[in-house]
Amino acid sequence: MVVHSYGYSPDSSGTDITRAEGESELGLFASNLELVLDHRDEILRISEYFFCSPGFAWCSWPYLGGDGPLPLGYLLAGWRDGWLREACPVCGAAVYITCFGGSPLSGSNRWTGICSRCRGIESRRGASPDSFRERLLAVVDLRRRFPLELSEWQEYDGYEFCWGGSGLRPARKRRLVRRRTAEPVSLKVLLEELSRGNLRESRAPGVCLLRSEAVLKFSPEHKRSPLGNRESGGPS
């Protein structure tokens, strides 16, 4: 077993969004921040909006699962509850954090966010290891309660090798099946629909209490599921 000593990176995540595109989206988002905040409650209630995952929104840490893209619903919850806010080093107003990362061992960390007053993009080294660990645990809890993807083991009829006869015999087998809980919209579509007031039908993100995600990151042959659960597990 190999334990990975690195965290999530948008440049190596396999998504179609590059870091440069994520930074461009961040500028667009910053210019529409007030629009998003005004519709916070609607975004939290509508799953297609809740799971909108801009390229600039992510978290990263080594050793433990749970890092990765941050859906807009996670950001809004963190801004509302305070664990994704810092003081702006320029004007002192609240900065809404959009991405962060660090080490669960040392607590050293960095964050990037948008100032609520001057709308500047700020990126700083985090001052408090405790605040980073609070953010890590909060994100893990949100992924557990509001996952974009669920996985479960399904049984099916198949065949297995045997020494006699044709070399095969009927057997009950298992496969891991993944399904999405929502089809998120892009940031561009979200902003267009919010600005027009043409909101989608309210459908709250599904709540599923899964087992803890605090598992080690394994090498590809021991790959963890996107929810951070062990592959041998499933929904509780």
C-alpha atoms as a PDB file:
ATOM      1  CA  MET A   1       0.000   0.000   0.000  1.00  0.00           C
ATOM      2  CA  VAL A   2       1.262   3.474  -0.903  1.00  0.00           C
ATOM      3  CA  VAL A   3       0.071   6.506   1.054  1.00  0.00           C
ATOM      4  CA  HIS A   4       0.061   9.658  -1.068  1.00  0.00           C
ATOM      5  CA  SER A   5       1.709  12.692   0.514  1.00  0.00           C
ATOM      6  CA  TYR A   6       0.065  15.204  -1.811  1.00  0.00           C
ATOM      7  CA  GLY A   7      -3.401  16.677  -2.115  1.00  0.00           C
ATOM      8  CA  TYR A   8      -5.865  17.571  -4.834  1.00  0.00           C
ATOM      9  CA  SER A   9      -4.681  19.822  -7.664  1.00  0.00           C
ATOM     10  CA  PRO A  10      -7.053  21.215 -10.324  1.00  0.00           C
ATOM     11  CA  ASP A  11      -4.286  20.889 -12.933  1.00  0.00           C
ATOM     12  CA  SER A  12      -4.064  17.109 -12.439  1.00  0.00           C
ATOM     13  CA  SER A  13      -7.693  16.346 -11.561  1.00  0.00           C
ATOM     14  CA  GLY A  14      -8.698  15.057 -15.001  1.00  0.00           C
ATOM     15  CA  THR A  15     -11.318  17.808 -15.441  1.00  0.00           C
ATOM     16  CA  ASP A  16     -11.646  19.994 -18.527  1.00  0.00           C
ATOM     17  CA  ILE A  17     -11.035  23.206 -16.543  1.00  0.00           C
ATOM     18  CA  THR A  18      -7.453  24.453 -16.308  1.00  0.00           C
ATOM     19  CA  ARG A  19      -6.080  26.643 -13.521  1.00  0.00           C
ATOM     20  CA  ALA A  20      -6.071  29.641 -15.895  1.00  0.00           C
ATOM     21  CA  GLU A  21      -9.729  29.085 -16.743  1.00  0.00           C
ATOM     22  CA  GLY A  22     -10.489  28.789 -13.059  1.00  0.00           C
ATOM     23  CA  GLU A  23      -8.844  32.165 -12.415  1.00  0.00           C
ATOM     24  CA  SER A  24     -10.891  33.692 -15.239  1.00  0.00           C
ATOM     25  CA  GLU A  25     -14.055  32.266 -13.670  1.00  0.00           C
ATOM     26  CA  LEU A  26     -13.018  33.745 -10.330  1.00  0.00           C
ATOM     27  CA  GLY A  27     -12.969  37.237 -11.848  1.00  0.00           C
ATOM     28  CA  LEU A  28     -16.433  36.683 -13.310  1.00  0.00           C
ATOM     29  CA  PHE A  29     -17.679  35.354  -9.991  1.00  0.00           C
ATOM     30  CA  ALA A  30     -16.215  38.284  -8.039  1.00  0.00           C
ATOM     31  CA  SER A  31     -18.029  40.762 -10.269  1.00  0.00           C
ATOM     32  CA  ASN A  32     -21.290  38.898  -9.604  1.00  0.00           C
ATOM     33  CA  LEU A  33     -20.723  38.153  -5.918  1.00  0.00           C
ATOM     34  CA  GLU A  34     -23.612  40.324  -4.718  1.00  0.00           C
ATOM     35  CA  LEU A  35     -25.988  38.552  -7.116  1.00  0.00           C
ATOM     36  CA  VAL A  36     -24.933  35.162  -5.743  1.00  0.00           C
ATOM     37  CA  LEU A  37     -25.214  36.263  -2.117  1.00  0.00           C
ATOM     38  CA  ASP A  38     -28.671  37.724  -2.741  1.00  0.00           C
ATOM     39  CA  HIS A  39     -29.806  34.294  -3.981  1.00  0.00           C
ATOM     40  CA  ARG A  40     -28.024  32.237  -1.320  1.00  0.00           C
ATOM     41  CA  ASP A  41     -31.163  30.555  -0.004  1.00  0.00           C
ATOM     42  CA  GLU A  42     -32.325  29.590  -3.491  1.00  0.00           C
ATOM     43  CA  ILE A  43     -28.911  28.155  -4.384  1.00  0.00           C
ATOM     44  CA  LEU A  44     -28.902  26.085  -1.199  1.00  0.00           C
ATOM     45  CA  ARG A  45     -32.369  24.709  -2.029  1.00  0.00           C
ATOM     46  CA  ILE A  46     -31.840  23.846  -5.703  1.00  0.00           C
ATOM     47  CA  SER A  47     -29.525  20.905  -6.241  1.00  0.00           C
ATOM     48  CA  GLU A  48     -28.409  21.928  -9.764  1.00  0.00           C
ATOM     49  CA  TYR A  49     -27.217  25.238  -8.303  1.00  0.00           C
ATOM     50  CA  PHE A  50     -25.936  23.792  -5.019  1.00  0.00           C
ATOM     51  CA  PHE A  51     -23.501  21.449  -6.798  1.00  0.00           C
ATOM     52  CA  CYS A  52     -22.271  24.016  -9.341  1.00  0.00           C
ATOM     53  CA  SER A  53     -18.486  23.600  -9.051  1.00  0.00           C
ATOM     54  CA  PRO A  54     -16.479  26.519 -10.484  1.00  0.00           C
ATOM     55  CA  GLY A  55     -12.898  25.751 -11.442  1.00  0.00           C
ATOM     56  CA  PHE A  56     -11.521  28.180  -8.842  1.00  0.00           C
ATOM     57  CA  ALA A  57     -13.278  26.503  -5.897  1.00  0.00           C
ATOM     58  CA  TRP A  58     -11.372  23.597  -4.362  1.00  0.00           C
ATOM     59  CA  CYS A  59      -9.550  22.392  -1.263  1.00  0.00           C
ATOM     60  CA  SER A  60      -6.441  20.268  -0.906  1.00  0.00           C
ATOM     61  CA  TRP A  61      -4.617  18.287   1.767  1.00  0.00           C
ATOM     62  CA  PRO A  62      -2.481  15.116   1.833  1.00  0.00           C
ATOM     63  CA  TYR A  63      -3.004  11.769   3.579  1.00  0.00           C
ATOM     64  CA  LEU A  64      -6.783  12.029   4.193  1.00  0.00           C
ATOM     65  CA  GLY A  65      -9.703  11.833   1.793  1.00  0.00           C
ATOM     66  CA  GLY A  66     -12.317  14.548   1.326  1.00  0.00           C
ATOM     67  CA  ASP A  67     -10.371  17.181  -0.598  1.00  0.00           C
ATOM     68  CA  GLY A  68     -11.266  18.157  -4.161  1.00  0.00           C
ATOM     69  CA  PRO A  69     -13.651  20.589  -5.872  1.00  0.00           C
ATOM     70  CA  LEU A  70     -15.872  22.710  -3.639  1.00  0.00           C
ATOM     71  CA  PRO A  71     -19.472  23.025  -4.856  1.00  0.00           C
ATOM     72  CA  LEU A  72     -21.032  26.476  -4.551  1.00  0.00           C
ATOM     73  CA  GLY A  73     -23.396  25.188  -1.849  1.00  0.00           C
ATOM     74  CA  TYR A  74     -20.410  24.288   0.328  1.00  0.00           C
ATOM     75  CA  LEU A  75     -18.939  27.776  -0.150  1.00  0.00           C
ATOM     76  CA  LEU A  76     -22.203  29.508   0.751  1.00  0.00           C
ATOM     77  CA  ALA A  77     -22.623  27.351   3.849  1.00  0.00           C
ATOM     78  CA  GLY A  78     -19.064  28.134   4.941  1.00  0.00           C
ATOM     79  CA  TRP A  79     -19.474  31.861   4.337  1.00  0.00           C
ATOM     80  CA  ARG A  80     -22.769  31.901   6.205  1.00  0.00           C
ATOM     81  CA  ASP A  81     -21.450  29.921   9.185  1.00  0.00           C
ATOM     82  CA  GLY A  82     -18.079  31.679   9.332  1.00  0.00           C
ATOM     83  CA  TRP A  83     -15.585  28.857   8.815  1.00  0.00           C
ATOM     84  CA  LEU A  84     -14.808  30.001   5.250  1.00  0.00           C
ATOM     85  CA  ARG A  85     -14.163  33.631   6.137  1.00  0.00           C
ATOM     86  CA  GLU A  86     -11.012  35.600   6.921  1.00  0.00           C
ATOM     87  CA  ALA A  87     -10.247  39.294   7.458  1.00  0.00           C
ATOM     88  CA  CYS A  88      -9.064  41.216   4.389  1.00  0.00           C
ATOM     89  CA  PRO A  89      -5.416  42.322   4.889  1.00  0.00           C
ATOM     90  CA  VAL A  90      -6.149  45.471   2.846  1.00  0.00           C
ATOM     91  CA  CYS A  91      -9.402  46.886   4.238  1.00  0.00           C
ATOM     92  CA  GLY A  92     -10.252  44.593   7.179  1.00  0.00           C
ATOM     93  CA  ALA A  93     -13.605  43.461   5.772  1.00  0.00           C
ATOM     94  CA  ALA A  94     -14.611  39.817   5.505  1.00  0.00           C
ATOM     95  CA  VAL A  95     -12.952  37.743   2.786  1.00  0.00           C
ATOM     96  CA  TYR A  96     -15.067  34.927   1.369  1.00  0.00           C
ATOM     97  CA  ILE A  97     -12.662  32.015   0.923  1.00  0.00           C
ATOM     98  CA  THR A  98     -12.990  30.154  -2.378  1.00  0.00           C
ATOM     99  CA  CYS A  99     -10.101  27.705  -2.081  1.00  0.00           C
ATOM    100  CA  PHE A 100      -7.741  26.549   0.634  1.00  0.00           C
ATOM    101  CA  GLY A 101      -5.217  23.853   1.375  1.00  0.00           C
ATOM    102  CA  GLY A 102      -2.708  22.710   3.924  1.00  0.00           C
ATOM    103  CA  SER A 103      -1.304  19.883   6.003  1.00  0.00           C
ATOM    104  CA  PRO A 104      -3.456  17.971   8.511  1.00  0.00           C
ATOM    105  CA  LEU A 105      -0.258  17.216  10.454  1.00  0.00           C
ATOM    106  CA  SER A 106       1.434  20.600  10.840  1.00  0.00           C
ATOM    107  CA  GLY A 107      -1.641  22.761  10.278  1.00  0.00           C
ATOM    108  CA  SER A 108       0.275  25.043   7.882  1.00  0.00           C
ATOM    109  CA  ASN A 109      -2.127  26.308   5.234  1.00  0.00           C
ATOM    110  CA  ARG A 110      -2.976  28.898   2.588  1.00  0.00           C
ATOM    111  CA  TRP A 111      -6.243  30.348   1.343  1.00  0.00           C
ATOM    112  CA  THR A 112      -7.593  32.470  -1.527  1.00  0.00           C
ATOM    113  CA  GLY A 113     -10.799  34.452  -1.465  1.00  0.00           C
ATOM    114  CA  ILE A 114     -12.801  37.522  -2.474  1.00  0.00           C
ATOM    115  CA  CYS A 115     -13.034  40.595  -0.256  1.00  0.00           C
ATOM    116  CA  SER A 116     -16.656  41.455   0.470  1.00  0.00           C
ATOM    117  CA  ARG A 117     -15.908  45.205   0.396  1.00  0.00           C
ATOM    118  CA  CYS A 118     -13.164  45.981  -2.114  1.00  0.00           C
ATOM    119  CA  ARG A 119     -13.846  42.845  -4.236  1.00  0.00           C
ATOM    120  CA  GLY A 120     -10.134  42.196  -4.494  1.00  0.00           C
ATOM    121  CA  ILE A 121      -8.775  38.651  -4.831  1.00  0.00           C
ATOM    122  CA  GLU A 122      -6.644  37.936  -1.782  1.00  0.00           C
ATOM    123  CA  SER A 123      -4.322  34.978  -1.213  1.00  0.00           C
ATOM    124  CA  ARG A 124      -2.514  34.555   2.081  1.00  0.00           C
ATOM    125  CA  ARG A 125      -0.867  32.045   4.356  1.00  0.00           C
ATOM    126  CA  GLY A 126      -3.323  30.965   7.028  1.00  0.00           C
ATOM    127  CA  ALA A 127      -2.487  32.169  10.521  1.00  0.00           C
ATOM    128  CA  SER A 128      -4.264  29.499  12.526  1.00  0.00           C
ATOM    129  CA  PRO A 129      -3.780  25.715  12.200  1.00  0.00           C
ATOM    130  CA  ASP A 130      -7.025  25.286  14.140  1.00  0.00           C
ATOM    131  CA  SER A 131      -9.010  27.220  11.528  1.00  0.00           C
ATOM    132  CA  PHE A 132      -7.603  24.995   8.765  1.00  0.00           C
ATOM    133  CA  ARG A 133      -8.515  21.829  10.635  1.00  0.00           C
ATOM    134  CA  GLU A 134     -12.006  23.244  11.247  1.00  0.00           C
ATOM    135  CA  ARG A 135     -12.403  23.818   7.505  1.00  0.00           C
ATOM    136  CA  LEU A 136     -11.119  20.348   6.689  1.00  0.00           C
ATOM    137  CA  LEU A 137     -13.600  18.690   9.057  1.00  0.00           C
ATOM    138  CA  ALA A 138     -16.459  20.901   7.858  1.00  0.00           C
ATOM    139  CA  VAL A 139     -15.849  19.965   4.206  1.00  0.00           C
ATOM    140  CA  VAL A 140     -15.606  16.257   5.060  1.00  0.00           C
ATOM    141  CA  ASP A 141     -18.911  16.521   6.935  1.00  0.00           C
ATOM    142  CA  LEU A 142     -20.603  18.285   3.999  1.00  0.00           C
ATOM    143  CA  ARG A 143     -19.383  15.634   1.568  1.00  0.00           C
ATOM    144  CA  ARG A 144     -20.815  12.993   3.892  1.00  0.00           C
ATOM    145  CA  ARG A 145     -24.209  14.675   4.195  1.00  0.00           C
ATOM    146  CA  PHE A 146     -24.518  16.215   0.728  1.00  0.00           C
ATOM    147  CA  PRO A 147     -22.554  14.068  -1.753  1.00  0.00           C
ATOM    148  CA  LEU A 148     -22.681  14.731  -5.476  1.00  0.00           C
ATOM    149  CA  GLU A 149     -22.147  11.039  -6.126  1.00  0.00           C
ATOM    150  CA  LEU A 150     -23.312   7.927  -4.283  1.00  0.00           C
ATOM    151  CA  SER A 151     -21.891   4.440  -4.603  1.00  0.00           C
ATOM    152  CA  GLU A 152     -23.312   1.076  -3.659  1.00  0.00           C
ATOM    153  CA  TRP A 153     -22.598  -2.587  -4.240  1.00  0.00           C
ATOM    154  CA  GLN A 154     -25.059  -4.383  -6.516  1.00  0.00           C
ATOM    155  CA  GLU A 155     -25.341  -8.136  -6.979  1.00  0.00           C
ATOM    156  CA  TYR A 156     -25.870  -9.634 -10.414  1.00  0.00           C
ATOM    157  CA  ASP A 157     -25.855 -13.015 -12.113  1.00  0.00           C
ATOM    158  CA  GLY A 158     -22.566 -13.896 -13.733  1.00  0.00           C
ATOM    159  CA  TYR A 159     -20.024 -16.663 -14.111  1.00  0.00           C
ATOM    160  CA  GLU A 160     -16.850 -17.725 -12.389  1.00  0.00           C
ATOM    161  CA  PHE A 161     -14.032 -20.041 -13.327  1.00  0.00           C
ATOM    162  CA  CYS A 162     -14.179 -23.710 -12.365  1.00  0.00           C
ATOM    163  CA  TRP A 163     -12.016 -26.725 -13.275  1.00  0.00           C
ATOM    164  CA  GLY A 164     -14.799 -28.975 -14.518  1.00  0.00           C
ATOM    165  CA  GLY A 165     -17.200 -28.884 -17.446  1.00  0.00           C
ATOM    166  CA  SER A 166     -16.934 -25.848 -19.691  1.00  0.00           C
ATOM    167  CA  GLY A 167     -14.652 -24.061 -17.243  1.00  0.00           C
ATOM    168  CA  LEU A 168     -17.389 -21.682 -16.122  1.00  0.00           C
ATOM    169  CA  ARG A 169     -20.248 -21.966 -13.666  1.00  0.00           C
ATOM    170  CA  PRO A 170     -23.072 -19.587 -12.680  1.00  0.00           C
ATOM    171  CA  ALA A 171     -22.282 -17.336  -9.726  1.00  0.00           C
ATOM    172  CA  ARG A 172     -23.625 -14.296  -7.912  1.00  0.00           C
ATOM    173  CA  LYS A 173     -21.182 -11.429  -8.328  1.00  0.00           C
ATOM    174  CA  ARG A 174     -20.905  -7.867  -7.088  1.00  0.00           C
ATOM    175  CA  ARG A 175     -20.045  -4.592  -8.801  1.00  0.00           C
ATOM    176  CA  LEU A 176     -19.696  -1.060  -7.484  1.00  0.00           C
ATOM    177  CA  VAL A 177     -22.281   1.234  -9.069  1.00  0.00           C
ATOM    178  CA  ARG A 178     -22.013   5.008  -8.867  1.00  0.00           C
ATOM    179  CA  ARG A 179     -24.771   7.484  -9.531  1.00  0.00           C
ATOM    180  CA  ARG A 180     -25.006  11.253  -9.335  1.00  0.00           C
ATOM    181  CA  THR A 181     -27.482  12.933  -7.024  1.00  0.00           C
ATOM    182  CA  ALA A 182     -27.774  15.976  -9.327  1.00  0.00           C
ATOM    183  CA  GLU A 183     -26.709  17.397 -12.681  1.00  0.00           C
ATOM    184  CA  PRO A 184     -24.962  20.666 -11.784  1.00  0.00           C
ATOM    185  CA  VAL A 185     -25.150  23.710 -14.029  1.00  0.00           C
ATOM    186  CA  SER A 186     -22.079  25.653 -15.102  1.00  0.00           C
ATOM    187  CA  LEU A 187     -21.224  28.962 -13.447  1.00  0.00           C
ATOM    188  CA  LYS A 188     -22.173  30.824 -16.625  1.00  0.00           C
ATOM    189  CA  VAL A 189     -25.624  29.216 -16.736  1.00  0.00           C
ATOM    190  CA  LEU A 190     -26.130  29.823 -13.021  1.00  0.00           C
ATOM    191  CA  LEU A 191     -25.358  33.548 -13.291  1.00  0.00           C
ATOM    192  CA  GLU A 192     -27.578  33.907 -16.353  1.00  0.00           C
ATOM    193  CA  GLU A 193     -30.540  32.270 -14.641  1.00  0.00           C
ATOM    194  CA  LEU A 194     -30.061  34.244 -11.433  1.00  0.00           C
ATOM    195  CA  SER A 195     -29.812  37.557 -13.287  1.00  0.00           C
ATOM    196  CA  ARG A 196     -32.985  36.814 -15.299  1.00  0.00           C
ATOM    197  CA  GLY A 197     -34.853  35.571 -12.238  1.00  0.00           C
ATOM    198  CA  ASN A 198     -35.659  32.392 -14.158  1.00  0.00           C
ATOM    199  CA  LEU A 199     -34.896  29.965 -11.334  1.00  0.00           C
ATOM    200  CA  ARG A 200     -35.295  26.220 -11.562  1.00  0.00           C
ATOM    201  CA  GLU A 201     -37.750  24.196  -9.545  1.00  0.00           C
ATOM    202  CA  SER A 202     -36.601  23.831  -5.970  1.00  0.00           C
ATOM    203  CA  ARG A 203     -35.164  20.384  -5.302  1.00  0.00           C
ATOM    204  CA  ALA A 204     -33.011  20.197  -2.213  1.00  0.00           C
ATOM    205  CA  PRO A 205     -29.753  18.202  -2.352  1.00  0.00           C
ATOM    206  CA  GLY A 206     -30.301  14.661  -1.094  1.00  0.00           C
ATOM    207  CA  VAL A 207     -29.053  13.934   2.392  1.00  0.00           C
ATOM    208  CA  CYS A 208     -27.292  10.614   2.901  1.00  0.00           C
ATOM    209  CA  LEU A 209     -25.486   9.726   6.118  1.00  0.00           C
ATOM    210  CA  LEU A 210     -22.485   7.759   4.958  1.00  0.00           C
ATOM    211  CA  ARG A 211     -19.620   6.329   6.938  1.00  0.00           C
ATOM    212  CA  SER A 212     -16.703   8.581   7.838  1.00  0.00           C
ATOM    213  CA  GLU A 213     -14.441   9.781   4.998  1.00  0.00           C
ATOM    214  CA  ALA A 214     -11.346  10.039   7.181  1.00  0.00           C
ATOM    215  CA  VAL A 215      -9.450   7.287   5.360  1.00  0.00           C
ATOM    216  CA  LEU A 216      -5.943   7.209   3.937  1.00  0.00           C
ATOM    217  CA  LYS A 217      -5.366   8.053   0.292  1.00  0.00           C
ATOM    218  CA  PHE A 218      -4.353   4.847  -1.464  1.00  0.00           C
ATOM    219  CA  SER A 219      -2.416   4.099  -4.603  1.00  0.00           C
ATOM    220  CA  PRO A 220      -4.484   3.449  -7.786  1.00  0.00           C
ATOM    221  CA  GLU A 221      -4.758  -0.272  -7.121  1.00  0.00           C
ATOM    222  CA  HIS A 222      -6.359   0.573  -3.765  1.00  0.00           C
ATOM    223  CA  LYS A 223      -8.306   3.563  -5.024  1.00  0.00           C
ATOM    224  CA  ARG A 224     -10.792   5.197  -2.700  1.00  0.00           C
ATOM    225  CA  SER A 225     -14.270   6.052  -3.948  1.00  0.00           C
ATOM    226  CA  PRO A 226     -15.127   9.692  -4.826  1.00  0.00           C
ATOM    227  CA  LEU A 227     -16.993   9.940  -1.529  1.00  0.00           C
ATOM    228  CA  GLY A 228     -13.916   8.987   0.410  1.00  0.00           C
ATOM    229  CA  ASN A 229     -15.347   5.658   1.633  1.00  0.00           C
ATOM    230  CA  ARG A 230     -13.552   2.359   1.358  1.00  0.00           C
ATOM    231  CA  GLU A 231     -14.413   0.490  -1.810  1.00  0.00           C
ATOM    232  CA  SER A 232     -15.637  -2.437   0.262  1.00  0.00           C
ATOM    233  CA  GLY A 233     -18.209  -0.246   1.914  1.00  0.00           C
ATOM    234  CA  GLY A 234     -21.336   1.512   0.795  1.00  0.00           C
ATOM    235  CA  PRO A 235     -24.143   3.643   2.127  1.00  0.00           C
ATOM    236  CA  SER A 236     -24.905   3.054   5.787  1.00  0.00           C
END
